[in-house]
Protein backbone atom coordinates (compact mmCIF):
# COMPACT_ATOMS: atom_id res chain seq x y z
CA MET A 1 103.07 -18.31 -60.93
CA LYS A 2 100.46 -18.74 -58.23
CA ARG A 3 98.54 -21.21 -60.41
CA ILE A 4 101.65 -23.38 -60.92
CA LEU A 5 102.31 -23.48 -57.19
CA THR A 6 98.70 -24.51 -56.52
CA LEU A 7 98.95 -27.37 -59.03
CA LEU A 8 102.28 -28.42 -57.59
CA GLY A 9 100.77 -28.38 -54.10
CA LEU A 10 97.89 -30.56 -55.32
CA SER A 11 100.21 -33.08 -56.90
CA ILE A 12 102.31 -33.30 -53.72
CA ALA A 13 99.17 -33.77 -51.62
CA MET A 14 97.86 -36.49 -53.94
CA GLY A 15 101.18 -38.32 -53.85
CA ALA A 16 101.13 -38.29 -50.07
CA ALA A 17 97.56 -39.61 -49.88
CA GLN A 18 98.74 -43.22 -49.98
CA ALA A 19 100.63 -42.79 -46.72
CA GLU A 20 97.51 -41.26 -45.19
CA ILE A 21 95.44 -44.44 -45.68
CA ILE A 22 96.35 -47.14 -43.18
CA ILE A 23 95.04 -50.71 -43.31
CA LYS A 24 94.84 -52.60 -40.02
CA ASP A 25 94.03 -56.19 -38.98
CA ALA A 26 93.69 -57.53 -42.54
CA TYR A 27 92.62 -61.17 -42.78
CA VAL A 28 90.54 -63.58 -44.84
CA ASN A 29 88.64 -66.58 -43.58
CA ALA A 30 90.09 -69.97 -44.47
CA PRO A 31 87.34 -71.47 -46.64
CA PRO A 32 86.24 -75.09 -46.25
CA PRO A 33 88.03 -77.49 -48.64
CA MET A 34 86.78 -77.40 -52.25
CA THR A 35 85.09 -74.00 -51.68
CA GLN A 36 85.84 -71.21 -54.13
CA VAL A 37 84.55 -68.30 -52.04
CA THR A 38 85.78 -66.60 -48.88
CA ALA A 39 85.49 -63.24 -47.12
CA GLY A 40 88.07 -60.59 -46.25
CA PHE A 41 88.03 -58.18 -43.33
CA PHE A 42 90.11 -55.16 -42.30
CA GLU A 43 89.97 -51.61 -41.00
CA LEU A 44 90.77 -48.58 -43.14
CA GLU A 45 91.95 -45.39 -41.44
CA ASN A 46 92.08 -42.12 -43.33
CA HIS A 47 94.59 -39.69 -41.83
CA GLY A 48 94.17 -37.25 -44.72
CA HIS A 49 92.16 -34.06 -45.05
CA ASP A 50 89.78 -35.39 -47.72
CA THR A 51 87.23 -38.19 -47.81
CA VAL A 52 88.55 -41.07 -49.91
CA ARG A 53 86.39 -43.74 -51.56
CA LEU A 54 87.49 -47.36 -51.86
CA THR A 55 86.22 -48.28 -55.33
CA HIS A 56 88.00 -51.35 -56.67
CA PHE A 57 89.63 -54.50 -55.38
CA SER A 58 91.50 -57.46 -56.88
CA SER A 59 93.70 -60.36 -55.86
CA PRO A 60 95.86 -62.88 -57.70
CA VAL A 61 94.14 -65.66 -55.70
CA ALA A 62 90.59 -64.73 -56.81
CA GLY A 63 88.96 -64.42 -60.20
CA LYS A 64 86.67 -61.75 -58.77
CA VAL A 65 86.66 -59.56 -55.64
CA GLU A 66 83.60 -57.55 -54.60
CA LEU A 67 82.61 -55.34 -51.69
CA HIS A 68 79.45 -56.63 -49.99
CA ALA A 69 77.22 -55.37 -47.19
CA THR A 70 75.22 -57.69 -44.97
CA VAL A 71 71.72 -56.28 -44.48
CA GLU A 72 68.55 -57.48 -42.74
CA GLN A 73 65.60 -57.92 -45.09
CA ASP A 74 62.35 -59.55 -43.97
CA GLY A 75 64.06 -61.05 -40.95
CA MET A 76 66.86 -62.63 -42.99
CA SER A 77 70.47 -61.61 -43.54
CA LYS A 78 71.33 -60.94 -47.15
CA MET A 79 74.55 -59.85 -48.87
CA ILE A 80 74.32 -56.98 -51.34
CA ALA A 81 77.20 -55.91 -53.60
CA GLN A 82 78.37 -52.32 -53.08
CA ASP A 83 80.15 -50.06 -55.57
CA GLY A 84 82.47 -48.64 -52.90
CA VAL A 85 82.74 -47.19 -49.43
CA ASP A 86 83.74 -43.70 -48.24
CA ILE A 87 86.47 -43.35 -45.64
CA PRO A 88 85.89 -39.94 -44.04
CA SER A 89 88.72 -37.50 -43.42
CA HIS A 90 90.38 -38.37 -40.09
CA GLY A 91 87.96 -41.29 -39.74
CA SER A 92 87.87 -45.02 -40.29
CA VAL A 93 85.71 -47.78 -41.73
CA LYS A 94 85.78 -51.34 -40.44
CA LEU A 95 84.97 -54.27 -42.72
CA GLN A 96 83.78 -57.00 -40.37
CA HIS A 97 81.52 -60.03 -39.96
CA GLY A 98 77.86 -59.01 -40.23
CA GLY A 99 78.65 -55.76 -42.03
CA LEU A 100 80.79 -54.60 -44.92
CA HIS A 101 83.32 -57.18 -46.16
CA LEU A 102 85.21 -58.23 -49.27
CA MET A 103 84.06 -61.36 -51.08
CA LEU A 104 86.84 -63.26 -52.84
CA MET A 105 85.23 -65.47 -55.49
CA LYS A 106 86.51 -68.03 -57.99
CA LEU A 107 89.56 -68.77 -55.83
CA THR A 108 92.51 -69.92 -57.90
CA GLN A 109 94.22 -71.84 -55.08
CA GLU A 110 93.44 -73.48 -51.76
CA LEU A 111 93.78 -71.08 -48.83
CA LYS A 112 95.01 -72.60 -45.56
CA PRO A 113 95.34 -70.99 -42.13
CA GLY A 114 98.64 -69.17 -41.91
CA ASP A 115 98.85 -68.48 -45.66
CA LYS A 116 99.26 -64.88 -46.82
CA VAL A 117 97.37 -63.42 -49.79
CA ASP A 118 97.75 -60.04 -51.45
CA ILE A 119 94.68 -57.93 -52.13
CA SER A 120 94.91 -54.71 -54.11
CA LEU A 121 92.68 -51.87 -52.91
CA GLY A 122 92.01 -48.98 -55.30
CA PHE A 123 90.67 -45.56 -54.41
CA ASP A 124 88.79 -42.86 -56.33
CA ASN A 125 91.79 -40.52 -56.14
CA GLY A 126 93.88 -42.97 -58.19
CA ASP A 127 95.82 -44.42 -55.28
CA GLU A 128 96.23 -48.17 -54.99
CA LEU A 129 97.47 -50.12 -51.99
CA VAL A 130 98.48 -53.77 -52.02
CA GLN A 131 97.88 -55.29 -48.61
CA ARG A 132 98.98 -58.73 -47.42
CA PHE A 133 96.05 -60.50 -45.71
CA GLU A 134 96.56 -63.40 -43.27
CA VAL A 135 94.38 -66.49 -43.78
CA ARG A 136 92.71 -67.34 -40.44
CA ASP A 137 90.68 -70.41 -39.49
CA MET A 138 87.55 -68.68 -38.22
CA ARG A 139 85.51 -71.94 -38.37
CA LYS A 140 87.58 -73.42 -35.55
CA HIS A 141 87.20 -70.19 -33.57
CA ASN A 142 83.42 -70.16 -34.17
CA MET A 143 83.01 -73.89 -33.42
CA ASP A 144 84.89 -73.52 -30.15
CA HIS A 145 82.60 -70.70 -29.11
CA GLY A 146 79.47 -72.49 -30.32
CA HIS A 147 80.45 -75.69 -28.52
CA HIS A 148 80.85 -73.97 -25.19
CA GLY A 149 77.67 -71.96 -25.53
CA GLY A 150 75.42 -74.52 -27.18
CA HIS A 151 76.27 -77.81 -25.50
CA ALA A 152 77.45 -76.92 -22.01
CA PRO A 153 74.06 -77.40 -20.28
CA LYS A 154 73.60 -80.91 -21.75
CA GLU A 155 77.12 -81.91 -20.72
CA ASP A 156 76.59 -80.56 -17.21
CA THR A 157 73.31 -82.44 -16.66
CA GLY A 158 74.21 -85.73 -18.38
CA HIS A 159 77.75 -86.43 -17.30
CA HIS A 160 78.10 -85.57 -13.59
CA GLY A 161 80.61 -87.79 -11.88
CA HIS A 162 81.72 -89.41 -15.16
CA HIS A 163 85.47 -88.82 -15.57
């Protein structure tokens, strides 16, 4: 009888594991027109008692989805495919620019800012979550920041008094 209860307890715990993984701030970059690749970012929180490994990913808008890490090699940034990432018990992992991120390749449709895309995230314990990601125009955000930082001195010295 004790063995049956233990198995039952395990099955209840495994069924609840999905609710213990929370996905926050999920978005993908809006790719330039005619581009078939973009990146996805989000934070995974594990509120469970066991480490869980994110192992597979797919989306109806991409022919292929991979987990990549950005690493420095010989003074250059390089993306290297990863087979998964561990989310520690009561911990979190953030997929962000310059670090871990999802690569959506062979896009099957144009992605525009404001669109929503579903990405399925699978874990080593058999759980699968489908998360809706917002498409954001990060190029505009980056250009705005680059413009202010990169060109402000020239504008200040060359255009005084010119309104």
